């Protein structure tokens, strides 16, 4: 049976802008809002607080594929998986790449549909790019560990291409995990300089103290580096041990470390939003293809 998902789809003070009701001011850290809080209600699990990111993708049983127009030679070589785009530039300059039997050393040369590109004597056949969004359940990991079930097994049937995860996720973390054969996208979203937002629902072993919530909001030091949080609040109508937190780091271990630094154990960590993608309509353990518009949105993120 196909595992594809169904619906392709403060206390006011000088140092904190978090209100007593759990609302959060989206201003810069340590900056007091003139109007109090702009974030009117706390993180809510059963509502849809991320509507501005939640454009339901059109139903599709096929992967999103970028239009096959002319493409720069170095990107064509990179898309074939033989090397990175930077290394492709070196091979092209060295005369190791031919197009339709002609050696090409021109940087910026564009390959047309139907052209035959040979790299070091091997005819290249770039794979079409596939993007699969998984709502990962507990017990599956991206780590290469024979003792732990591989998250890749859950999306293996999505494509004949070998898909790789964008970033890492351990067996105890659940939620959104993107798989693709697009090396450039993988490199982009695993780069420390990439600043797309990720949203997590965190379940703690005890109630999060209000003063600790404020500490997290103003920044917690992890390994001598200050970790900034975009938003944090209690989950509405849930115990104070349920917290929603949004930040830009791509390392889920940082999320756990934030709470552990203040003496809390993370019982459950669920990534509910990743770079504008949400898990609405994707049951745990299921996946769906990204729409073409979603792929474009990811490529346009800085």
C-alpha atoms as a PDB file:
ATOM      1  CA  UNK A   1       0.000   0.000   0.000  1.00  0.00           C
ATOM      2  CA  UNK A   2       1.314   3.411  -0.904  1.00  0.00           C
ATOM      3  CA  UNK A   3       2.476   5.407   2.106  1.00  0.00           C
ATOM      4  CA  UNK A   4       1.735   8.701   0.433  1.00  0.00           C
ATOM      5  CA  UNK A   5      -0.279  11.177   2.508  1.00  0.00           C
ATOM      6  CA  UNK A   6      -3.839  12.000   1.575  1.00  0.00           C
ATOM      7  CA  UNK A   7      -4.355  15.771   1.385  1.00  0.00           C
ATOM      8  CA  UNK A   8      -1.587  17.257  -0.678  1.00  0.00           C
ATOM      9  CA  UNK A   9      -2.011  19.007   1.740  1.00  0.00           C
ATOM     10  CA  UNK A  10       5.142  38.855  30.376  1.00  0.00           C
ATOM     11  CA  UNK A  11       5.305  40.329  32.286  1.00  0.00           C
ATOM     12  CA  UNK A  12       6.515  43.414  30.441  1.00  0.00           C
ATOM     13  CA  UNK A  13      10.016  44.430  31.355  1.00  0.00           C
ATOM     14  CA  UNK A  14      13.101  45.758  29.664  1.00  0.00           C
ATOM     15  CA  UNK A  15      14.483  42.366  28.730  1.00  0.00           C
ATOM     16  CA  UNK A  16      11.457  40.380  27.629  1.00  0.00           C
ATOM     17  CA  UNK A  17       8.386  40.904  25.518  1.00  0.00           C
ATOM     18  CA  UNK A  18       6.609  37.700  26.556  1.00  0.00           C
ATOM     19  CA  UNK A  19       3.209  38.326  28.195  1.00  0.00           C
ATOM     20  CA  UNK A  20       1.630  36.485  31.110  1.00  0.00           C
ATOM     21  CA  UNK A  21      -0.803  34.846  28.731  1.00  0.00           C
ATOM     22  CA  UNK A  22       2.032  33.306  26.742  1.00  0.00           C
ATOM     23  CA  UNK A  23       1.811  35.748  23.860  1.00  0.00           C
ATOM     24  CA  UNK A  24       4.989  36.720  22.165  1.00  0.00           C
ATOM     25  CA  UNK A  25       6.256  39.940  20.641  1.00  0.00           C
ATOM     26  CA  UNK A  26       7.944  39.303  17.312  1.00  0.00           C
ATOM     27  CA  UNK A  27      10.342  42.197  17.811  1.00  0.00           C
ATOM     28  CA  UNK A  28      14.068  41.757  18.263  1.00  0.00           C
ATOM     29  CA  UNK A  29      15.377  40.239  21.506  1.00  0.00           C
ATOM     30  CA  UNK A  30      15.564  42.724  24.391  1.00  0.00           C
ATOM     31  CA  UNK A  31      13.408  45.187  22.404  1.00  0.00           C
ATOM     32  CA  UNK A  32      10.200  46.302  24.138  1.00  0.00           C
ATOM     33  CA  UNK A  33       7.154  46.621  21.902  1.00  0.00           C
ATOM     34  CA  UNK A  34       5.314  49.930  21.998  1.00  0.00           C
ATOM     35  CA  UNK A  35       1.982  48.144  21.793  1.00  0.00           C
ATOM     36  CA  UNK A  36       2.708  45.186  24.052  1.00  0.00           C
ATOM     37  CA  UNK A  37       2.556  41.883  22.178  1.00  0.00           C
ATOM     38  CA  UNK A  38       1.963  41.310  18.488  1.00  0.00           C
ATOM     39  CA  UNK A  39       1.595  37.548  18.817  1.00  0.00           C
ATOM     40  CA  UNK A  40      -1.963  37.480  20.110  1.00  0.00           C
ATOM     41  CA  UNK A  41      -2.413  33.874  21.119  1.00  0.00           C
ATOM     42  CA  UNK A  42      -0.203  30.993  22.238  1.00  0.00           C
ATOM     43  CA  UNK A  43       0.896  28.087  20.119  1.00  0.00           C
ATOM     44  CA  UNK A  44      -2.161  25.910  19.570  1.00  0.00           C
ATOM     45  CA  UNK A  45      -1.966  22.254  18.656  1.00  0.00           C
ATOM     46  CA  UNK A  46      -5.464  21.621  17.336  1.00  0.00           C
ATOM     47  CA  UNK A  47      -6.032  24.971  15.648  1.00  0.00           C
ATOM     48  CA  UNK A  48      -4.097  25.941  12.515  1.00  0.00           C
ATOM     49  CA  UNK A  49      -1.791  28.722  13.711  1.00  0.00           C
ATOM     50  CA  UNK A  50       0.413  28.579  10.610  1.00  0.00           C
ATOM     51  CA  UNK A  51      -2.214  29.423   8.030  1.00  0.00           C
ATOM     52  CA  UNK A  52       0.074  31.839   6.187  1.00  0.00           C
ATOM     53  CA  UNK A  53       2.382  28.892   5.370  1.00  0.00           C
ATOM     54  CA  UNK A  54      -0.423  26.395   4.890  1.00  0.00           C
ATOM     55  CA  UNK A  55      -1.280  26.711   1.195  1.00  0.00           C
ATOM     56  CA  UNK A  56      -2.630  23.254   0.545  1.00  0.00           C
ATOM     57  CA  UNK A  57      -0.744  21.680  -2.359  1.00  0.00           C
ATOM     58  CA  UNK A  58      -2.727  20.393  -5.269  1.00  0.00           C
ATOM     59  CA  UNK A  59      -3.396  16.673  -5.134  1.00  0.00           C
ATOM     60  CA  UNK A  60      -0.736  14.841  -7.088  1.00  0.00           C
ATOM     61  CA  UNK A  61       0.530  11.302  -7.435  1.00  0.00           C
ATOM     62  CA  UNK A  62       3.629  12.425  -9.294  1.00  0.00           C
ATOM     63  CA  UNK A  63       6.744  14.160  -7.959  1.00  0.00           C
ATOM     64  CA  UNK A  64       7.350  17.806  -8.676  1.00  0.00           C
ATOM     65  CA  UNK A  65       9.784  18.116 -11.571  1.00  0.00           C
ATOM     66  CA  UNK A  66      11.373  21.346 -12.684  1.00  0.00           C
ATOM     67  CA  UNK A  67      10.913  22.289 -16.304  1.00  0.00           C
ATOM     68  CA  UNK A  68      13.553  20.767 -18.543  1.00  0.00           C
ATOM     69  CA  UNK A  69      14.810  23.992 -20.164  1.00  0.00           C
ATOM     70  CA  UNK A  70      18.370  24.901 -21.055  1.00  0.00           C
ATOM     71  CA  UNK A  71      20.680  24.351 -18.098  1.00  0.00           C
ATOM     72  CA  UNK A  72      24.208  25.503 -17.342  1.00  0.00           C
ATOM     73  CA  UNK A  73      26.776  22.814 -18.053  1.00  0.00           C
ATOM     74  CA  UNK A  74      28.244  22.803 -14.546  1.00  0.00           C
ATOM     75  CA  UNK A  75      24.790  22.326 -13.050  1.00  0.00           C
ATOM     76  CA  UNK A  76      24.029  19.544 -15.558  1.00  0.00           C
ATOM     77  CA  UNK A  77      27.187  17.722 -14.483  1.00  0.00           C
ATOM     78  CA  UNK A  78      26.414  18.273 -10.793  1.00  0.00           C
ATOM     79  CA  UNK A  79      22.845  17.045 -11.247  1.00  0.00           C
ATOM     80  CA  UNK A  80      24.261  13.805 -12.612  1.00  0.00           C
ATOM     81  CA  UNK A  81      25.747  13.136  -9.184  1.00  0.00           C
ATOM     82  CA  UNK A  82      29.373  12.763 -10.317  1.00  0.00           C
ATOM     83  CA  UNK A  83      30.648  15.816  -8.422  1.00  0.00           C
ATOM     84  CA  UNK A  84      29.662  19.156  -6.943  1.00  0.00           C
ATOM     85  CA  UNK A  85      29.001  22.177  -9.142  1.00  0.00           C
ATOM     86  CA  UNK A  86      32.262  23.785  -7.984  1.00  0.00           C
ATOM     87  CA  UNK A  87      34.251  20.688  -8.948  1.00  0.00           C
ATOM     88  CA  UNK A  88      32.363  20.560 -12.242  1.00  0.00           C
ATOM     89  CA  UNK A  89      33.769  24.006 -13.067  1.00  0.00           C
ATOM     90  CA  UNK A  90      37.291  22.636 -12.644  1.00  0.00           C
ATOM     91  CA  UNK A  91      36.628  19.610 -14.854  1.00  0.00           C
ATOM     92  CA  UNK A  92      35.093  21.814 -17.532  1.00  0.00           C
ATOM     93  CA  UNK A  93      38.054  24.211 -17.505  1.00  0.00           C
ATOM     94  CA  UNK A  94      40.384  21.206 -17.777  1.00  0.00           C
ATOM     95  CA  UNK A  95      38.633  20.018 -20.951  1.00  0.00           C
ATOM     96  CA  UNK A  96      37.221  16.836 -19.427  1.00  0.00           C
ATOM     97  CA  UNK A  97      33.638  17.501 -20.538  1.00  0.00           C
ATOM     98  CA  UNK A  98      32.234  17.278 -24.064  1.00  0.00           C
ATOM     99  CA  UNK A  99      28.835  18.224 -25.435  1.00  0.00           C
ATOM    100  CA  UNK A 100      27.765  16.446 -28.626  1.00  0.00           C
ATOM    101  CA  UNK A 101      31.375  15.384 -29.145  1.00  0.00           C
ATOM    102  CA  UNK A 102      32.859  18.869 -28.744  1.00  0.00           C
ATOM    103  CA  UNK A 103      35.105  19.800 -25.818  1.00  0.00           C
ATOM    104  CA  UNK A 104      33.550  22.664 -23.871  1.00  0.00           C
ATOM    105  CA  UNK A 105      35.660  24.871 -21.620  1.00  0.00           C
ATOM    106  CA  UNK A 106      33.365  27.885 -21.666  1.00  0.00           C
ATOM    107  CA  UNK A 107      32.027  28.789 -18.243  1.00  0.00           C
ATOM    108  CA  UNK A 108      28.300  29.402 -18.404  1.00  0.00           C
ATOM    109  CA  UNK A 109      27.755  27.190 -21.458  1.00  0.00           C
ATOM    110  CA  UNK A 110      24.149  25.978 -21.533  1.00  0.00           C
ATOM    111  CA  UNK A 111      23.071  22.452 -22.364  1.00  0.00           C
ATOM    112  CA  UNK A 112      19.900  22.060 -24.408  1.00  0.00           C
ATOM    113  CA  UNK A 113      17.393  19.213 -24.144  1.00  0.00           C
ATOM    114  CA  UNK A 114      18.696  16.279 -26.173  1.00  0.00           C
ATOM    115  CA  UNK A 115      22.372  17.251 -25.940  1.00  0.00           C
ATOM    116  CA  UNK A 116      24.784  14.413 -25.146  1.00  0.00           C
ATOM    117  CA  UNK A 117      27.155  15.330 -22.343  1.00  0.00           C
ATOM    118  CA  UNK A 118      30.166  13.111 -21.678  1.00  0.00           C
ATOM    119  CA  UNK A 119      32.181  13.426 -18.473  1.00  0.00           C
ATOM    120  CA  UNK A 120      35.562  11.645 -18.443  1.00  0.00           C
ATOM    121  CA  UNK A 121      34.329   9.287 -21.143  1.00  0.00           C
ATOM    122  CA  UNK A 122      31.002   8.512 -19.453  1.00  0.00           C
ATOM    123  CA  UNK A 123      27.692   9.645 -20.924  1.00  0.00           C
ATOM    124  CA  UNK A 124      25.756  11.548 -18.276  1.00  0.00           C
ATOM    125  CA  UNK A 125      22.051  11.135 -17.645  1.00  0.00           C
ATOM    126  CA  UNK A 126      20.915  13.536 -14.914  1.00  0.00           C
ATOM    127  CA  UNK A 127      18.078  12.309 -12.737  1.00  0.00           C
ATOM    128  CA  UNK A 128      14.889  14.275 -12.524  1.00  0.00           C
ATOM    129  CA  UNK A 129      14.646  15.923  -9.132  1.00  0.00           C
ATOM    130  CA  UNK A 130      12.245  14.382  -6.634  1.00  0.00           C
ATOM    131  CA  UNK A 131      11.116  15.964  -3.367  1.00  0.00           C
ATOM    132  CA  UNK A 132       9.321  13.893  -0.719  1.00  0.00           C
ATOM    133  CA  UNK A 133       8.008  15.209   2.606  1.00  0.00           C
ATOM    134  CA  UNK A 134       7.727  12.601   5.364  1.00  0.00           C
ATOM    135  CA  UNK A 135       5.967  12.856   8.720  1.00  0.00           C
ATOM    136  CA  UNK A 136       8.493  10.651  10.492  1.00  0.00           C
ATOM    137  CA  UNK A 137       7.305   8.439  13.342  1.00  0.00           C
ATOM    138  CA  UNK A 138       9.324   7.453  16.390  1.00  0.00           C
ATOM    139  CA  UNK A 139      11.842   4.630  16.054  1.00  0.00           C
ATOM    140  CA  UNK A 140      13.282   5.610  12.668  1.00  0.00           C
ATOM    141  CA  UNK A 141      16.526   7.499  12.174  1.00  0.00           C
ATOM    142  CA  UNK A 142      18.574   9.106   9.410  1.00  0.00           C
ATOM    143  CA  UNK A 143      21.744   7.713  10.984  1.00  0.00           C
ATOM    144  CA  UNK A 144      23.563   4.854   9.285  1.00  0.00           C
ATOM    145  CA  UNK A 145      23.003   2.417  12.135  1.00  0.00           C
ATOM    146  CA  UNK A 146      22.067  -1.206  11.473  1.00  0.00           C
ATOM    147  CA  UNK A 147      20.466  -1.393  14.930  1.00  0.00           C
ATOM    148  CA  UNK A 148      17.942   1.355  14.140  1.00  0.00           C
ATOM    149  CA  UNK A 149      15.313   1.344  11.397  1.00  0.00           C
ATOM    150  CA  UNK A 150      16.167   3.728   8.575  1.00  0.00           C
ATOM    151  CA  UNK A 151      13.773   6.593   7.864  1.00  0.00           C
ATOM    152  CA  UNK A 152      14.605   6.080   4.180  1.00  0.00           C
ATOM    153  CA  UNK A 153      12.700   2.778   4.278  1.00  0.00           C
ATOM    154  CA  UNK A 154       9.495   4.775   4.731  1.00  0.00           C
ATOM    155  CA  UNK A 155       9.963   6.662   1.424  1.00  0.00           C
ATOM    156  CA  UNK A 156      11.895   4.039  -0.541  1.00  0.00           C
ATOM    157  CA  UNK A 157       8.949   3.372  -2.856  1.00  0.00           C
ATOM    158  CA  UNK A 158       8.480   7.046  -3.715  1.00  0.00           C
ATOM    159  CA  UNK A 159      11.124   6.998  -6.451  1.00  0.00           C
ATOM    160  CA  UNK A 160      13.538   4.754  -8.291  1.00  0.00           C
ATOM    161  CA  UNK A 161      16.201   7.362  -7.458  1.00  0.00           C
ATOM    162  CA  UNK A 162      18.133   7.170  -4.223  1.00  0.00           C
ATOM    163  CA  UNK A 163      16.737   9.880  -1.953  1.00  0.00           C
ATOM    164  CA  UNK A 164      18.699  11.421   0.889  1.00  0.00           C
ATOM    165  CA  UNK A 165      17.364  13.253   3.951  1.00  0.00           C
ATOM    166  CA  UNK A 166      17.788  17.003   4.246  1.00  0.00           C
ATOM    167  CA  UNK A 167      19.483  17.148   7.624  1.00  0.00           C
ATOM    168  CA  UNK A 168      19.516  14.594  10.417  1.00  0.00           C
ATOM    169  CA  UNK A 169      16.824  13.310  12.718  1.00  0.00           C
ATOM    170  CA  UNK A 170      17.296  10.793  15.511  1.00  0.00           C
ATOM    171  CA  UNK A 171      14.943   7.933  16.298  1.00  0.00           C
ATOM    172  CA  UNK A 172      13.214   9.735  19.173  1.00  0.00           C
ATOM    173  CA  UNK A 173      12.383  12.924  17.229  1.00  0.00           C
ATOM    174  CA  UNK A 174       9.239  12.861  15.105  1.00  0.00           C
ATOM    175  CA  UNK A 175       7.748  15.133  12.470  1.00  0.00           C
ATOM    176  CA  UNK A 176       8.709  16.663   9.162  1.00  0.00           C
ATOM    177  CA  UNK A 177      11.694  15.322   7.270  1.00  0.00           C
ATOM    178  CA  UNK A 178      12.424  16.165   3.643  1.00  0.00           C
ATOM    179  CA  UNK A 179      13.997  13.637   1.259  1.00  0.00           C
ATOM    180  CA  UNK A 180      15.386  14.465  -2.190  1.00  0.00           C
ATOM    181  CA  UNK A 181      17.985  13.602  -4.811  1.00  0.00           C
ATOM    182  CA  UNK A 182      18.689  17.315  -5.289  1.00  0.00           C
ATOM    183  CA  UNK A 183      22.221  17.701  -3.905  1.00  0.00           C
ATOM    184  CA  UNK A 184      22.095  21.474  -4.113  1.00  0.00           C
ATOM    185  CA  UNK A 185      18.999  21.643  -1.954  1.00  0.00           C
ATOM    186  CA  UNK A 186      20.516  19.281   0.583  1.00  0.00           C
ATOM    187  CA  UNK A 187      23.640  21.431   0.788  1.00  0.00           C
ATOM    188  CA  UNK A 188      21.576  24.604   1.044  1.00  0.00           C
ATOM    189  CA  UNK A 189      19.415  23.493   3.963  1.00  0.00           C
ATOM    190  CA  UNK A 190      22.206  21.816   5.900  1.00  0.00           C
ATOM    191  CA  UNK A 191      24.424  24.885   5.672  1.00  0.00           C
ATOM    192  CA  UNK A 192      24.787  26.655   9.021  1.00  0.00           C
ATOM    193  CA  UNK A 193      24.206  29.988   7.281  1.00  0.00           C
ATOM    194  CA  UNK A 194      20.729  28.943   6.089  1.00  0.00           C
ATOM    195  CA  UNK A 195      18.059  30.666   8.150  1.00  0.00           C
ATOM    196  CA  UNK A 196      14.689  29.109   7.409  1.00  0.00           C
ATOM    197  CA  UNK A 197      12.321  28.736  10.357  1.00  0.00           C
ATOM    198  CA  UNK A 198      11.496  25.422  12.023  1.00  0.00           C
ATOM    199  CA  UNK A 199       8.679  24.969  14.506  1.00  0.00           C
ATOM    200  CA  UNK A 200       8.618  22.254  17.171  1.00  0.00           C
ATOM    201  CA  UNK A 201       6.130  21.086  19.765  1.00  0.00           C
ATOM    202  CA  UNK A 202       8.095  19.995  22.809  1.00  0.00           C
ATOM    203  CA  UNK A 203       6.809  17.734  25.587  1.00  0.00           C
ATOM    204  CA  UNK A 204       8.790  18.068  28.823  1.00  0.00           C
ATOM    205  CA  UNK A 205       9.045  15.869  31.909  1.00  0.00           C
ATOM    206  CA  UNK A 206       7.657  18.705  34.068  1.00  0.00           C
ATOM    207  CA  UNK A 207       6.011  22.084  33.707  1.00  0.00           C
ATOM    208  CA  UNK A 208       8.205  24.770  32.191  1.00  0.00           C
ATOM    209  CA  UNK A 209       8.617  27.577  34.711  1.00  0.00           C
ATOM    210  CA  UNK A 210       7.566  30.983  33.463  1.00  0.00           C
ATOM    211  CA  UNK A 211      10.963  32.491  34.307  1.00  0.00           C
ATOM    212  CA  UNK A 212      12.681  29.720  32.323  1.00  0.00           C
ATOM    213  CA  UNK A 213      10.411  30.410  29.364  1.00  0.00           C
ATOM    214  CA  UNK A 214      11.570  34.034  29.507  1.00  0.00           C
ATOM    215  CA  UNK A 215      15.209  32.931  29.692  1.00  0.00           C
ATOM    216  CA  UNK A 216      14.773  30.885  26.539  1.00  0.00           C
ATOM    217  CA  UNK A 217      13.109  33.831  24.817  1.00  0.00           C
ATOM    218  CA  UNK A 218      16.002  36.160  25.576  1.00  0.00           C
ATOM    219  CA  UNK A 219      18.583  33.567  24.503  1.00  0.00           C
ATOM    220  CA  UNK A 220      20.293  30.557  26.083  1.00  0.00           C
ATOM    221  CA  UNK A 221      24.000  29.780  25.773  1.00  0.00           C
ATOM    222  CA  UNK A 222      24.807  26.329  24.383  1.00  0.00           C
ATOM    223  CA  UNK A 223      28.507  25.478  24.197  1.00  0.00           C
ATOM    224  CA  UNK A 224      29.347  29.173  24.623  1.00  0.00           C
ATOM    225  CA  UNK A 225      27.110  30.148  21.694  1.00  0.00           C
ATOM    226  CA  UNK A 226      23.913  32.080  22.276  1.00  0.00           C
ATOM    227  CA  UNK A 227      20.873  30.447  20.685  1.00  0.00           C
ATOM    228  CA  UNK A 228      18.169  32.910  19.637  1.00  0.00           C
ATOM    229  CA  UNK A 229      14.544  31.831  19.579  1.00  0.00           C
ATOM    230  CA  UNK A 230      12.003  33.463  17.269  1.00  0.00           C
ATOM    231  CA  UNK A 231       8.926  32.502  19.300  1.00  0.00           C
ATOM    232  CA  UNK A 232       8.103  30.372  22.302  1.00  0.00           C
ATOM    233  CA  UNK A 233       4.866  29.837  24.230  1.00  0.00           C
ATOM    234  CA  UNK A 234       2.856  27.265  26.121  1.00  0.00           C
ATOM    235  CA  UNK A 235       0.535  25.115  24.038  1.00  0.00           C
ATOM    236  CA  UNK A 236      -3.015  26.376  24.473  1.00  0.00           C
ATOM    237  CA  UNK A 237      -5.306  24.227  26.673  1.00  0.00           C
ATOM    238  CA  UNK A 238      -2.425  21.883  27.515  1.00  0.00           C
ATOM    239  CA  UNK A 239      -0.240  21.430  30.623  1.00  0.00           C
ATOM    240  CA  UNK A 240       2.662  23.857  30.977  1.00  0.00           C
ATOM    241  CA  UNK A 241       4.917  20.943  30.038  1.00  0.00           C
ATOM    242  CA  UNK A 242       3.748  21.353  26.427  1.00  0.00           C
ATOM    243  CA  UNK A 243       5.637  24.121  24.637  1.00  0.00           C
ATOM    244  CA  UNK A 244       5.788  25.470  21.089  1.00  0.00           C
ATOM    245  CA  UNK A 245       9.153  26.862  19.988  1.00  0.00           C
ATOM    246  CA  UNK A 246      10.240  28.333  16.667  1.00  0.00           C
ATOM    247  CA  UNK A 247      13.859  28.909  15.724  1.00  0.00           C
ATOM    248  CA  UNK A 248      16.145  28.868  12.710  1.00  0.00           C
ATOM    249  CA  UNK A 249      18.723  26.233  13.616  1.00  0.00           C
ATOM    250  CA  UNK A 250      18.670  23.102  11.446  1.00  0.00           C
ATOM    251  CA  UNK A 251      20.050  20.891  14.240  1.00  0.00           C
ATOM    252  CA  UNK A 252      17.280  19.274  16.300  1.00  0.00           C
ATOM    253  CA  UNK A 253      19.829  18.505  19.031  1.00  0.00           C
ATOM    254  CA  UNK A 254      19.981  22.228  19.772  1.00  0.00           C
ATOM    255  CA  UNK A 255      16.279  22.226  20.637  1.00  0.00           C
ATOM    256  CA  UNK A 256      16.784  19.477  23.204  1.00  0.00           C
ATOM    257  CA  UNK A 257      19.906  21.185  24.550  1.00  0.00           C
ATOM    258  CA  UNK A 258      17.998  24.429  25.213  1.00  0.00           C
ATOM    259  CA  UNK A 259      15.643  22.737  27.670  1.00  0.00           C
ATOM    260  CA  UNK A 260      18.256  20.386  29.124  1.00  0.00           C
ATOM    261  CA  UNK A 261      20.394  23.432  29.897  1.00  0.00           C
ATOM    262  CA  UNK A 262      17.652  24.589  32.271  1.00  0.00           C
ATOM    263  CA  UNK A 263      17.101  21.200  33.891  1.00  0.00           C
ATOM    264  CA  UNK A 264      14.277  19.724  31.806  1.00  0.00           C
ATOM    265  CA  UNK A 265      14.153  16.397  29.989  1.00  0.00           C
ATOM    266  CA  UNK A 266      12.522  16.351  26.565  1.00  0.00           C
ATOM    267  CA  UNK A 267       9.994  13.507  26.427  1.00  0.00           C
ATOM    268  CA  UNK A 268       8.842  14.181  22.886  1.00  0.00           C
ATOM    269  CA  UNK A 269      10.045  16.482  20.111  1.00  0.00           C
ATOM    270  CA  UNK A 270       7.785  16.971  17.097  1.00  0.00           C
ATOM    271  CA  UNK A 271       8.811  19.151  14.136  1.00  0.00           C
ATOM    272  CA  UNK A 272       5.501  20.521  12.860  1.00  0.00           C
ATOM    273  CA  UNK A 273       6.816  23.118  10.412  1.00  0.00           C
ATOM    274  CA  UNK A 274       9.956  23.148   8.287  1.00  0.00           C
ATOM    275  CA  UNK A 275      10.940  26.019   5.964  1.00  0.00           C
ATOM    276  CA  UNK A 276       7.318  26.924   5.330  1.00  0.00           C
ATOM    277  CA  UNK A 277       6.162  23.312   4.900  1.00  0.00           C
ATOM    278  CA  UNK A 278       3.626  21.959   7.386  1.00  0.00           C
ATOM    279  CA  UNK A 279       2.482  18.437   8.204  1.00  0.00           C
ATOM    280  CA  UNK A 280      -1.236  19.132   7.811  1.00  0.00           C
ATOM    281  CA  UNK A 281      -2.803  16.255   5.904  1.00  0.00           C
ATOM    282  CA  UNK A 282       0.192  13.919   6.362  1.00  0.00           C
ATOM    283  CA  UNK A 283      -0.465  11.256   8.983  1.00  0.00           C
ATOM    284  CA  UNK A 284       2.434   9.960  11.031  1.00  0.00           C
ATOM    285  CA  UNK A 285       4.492   7.550   8.932  1.00  0.00           C
ATOM    286  CA  UNK A 286       3.078   8.845   5.637  1.00  0.00           C
ATOM    287  CA  UNK A 287       4.602  11.087   2.973  1.00  0.00           C
ATOM    288  CA  UNK A 288       3.696  13.160  -0.046  1.00  0.00           C
ATOM    289  CA  UNK A 289       5.489  14.757  -2.986  1.00  0.00           C
ATOM    290  CA  UNK A 290       6.091  18.489  -2.893  1.00  0.00           C
ATOM    291  CA  UNK A 291       4.228  20.573  -5.423  1.00  0.00           C
ATOM    292  CA  UNK A 292       6.168  22.516  -8.029  1.00  0.00           C
ATOM    293  CA  UNK A 293       5.306  25.761  -6.218  1.00  0.00           C
ATOM    294  CA  UNK A 294       6.658  24.404  -2.935  1.00  0.00           C
ATOM    295  CA  UNK A 295       9.917  23.474  -4.640  1.00  0.00           C
ATOM    296  CA  UNK A 296      10.169  26.974  -6.076  1.00  0.00           C
ATOM    297  CA  UNK A 297       9.507  28.448  -2.635  1.00  0.00           C
ATOM    298  CA  UNK A 298      12.313  26.364  -1.092  1.00  0.00           C
ATOM    299  CA  UNK A 299      14.736  27.392  -3.815  1.00  0.00           C
ATOM    300  CA  UNK A 300      13.888  31.045  -3.237  1.00  0.00           C
ATOM    301  CA  UNK A 301      14.493  30.918   0.522  1.00  0.00           C
ATOM    302  CA  UNK A 302      17.662  32.681   1.628  1.00  0.00           C
END
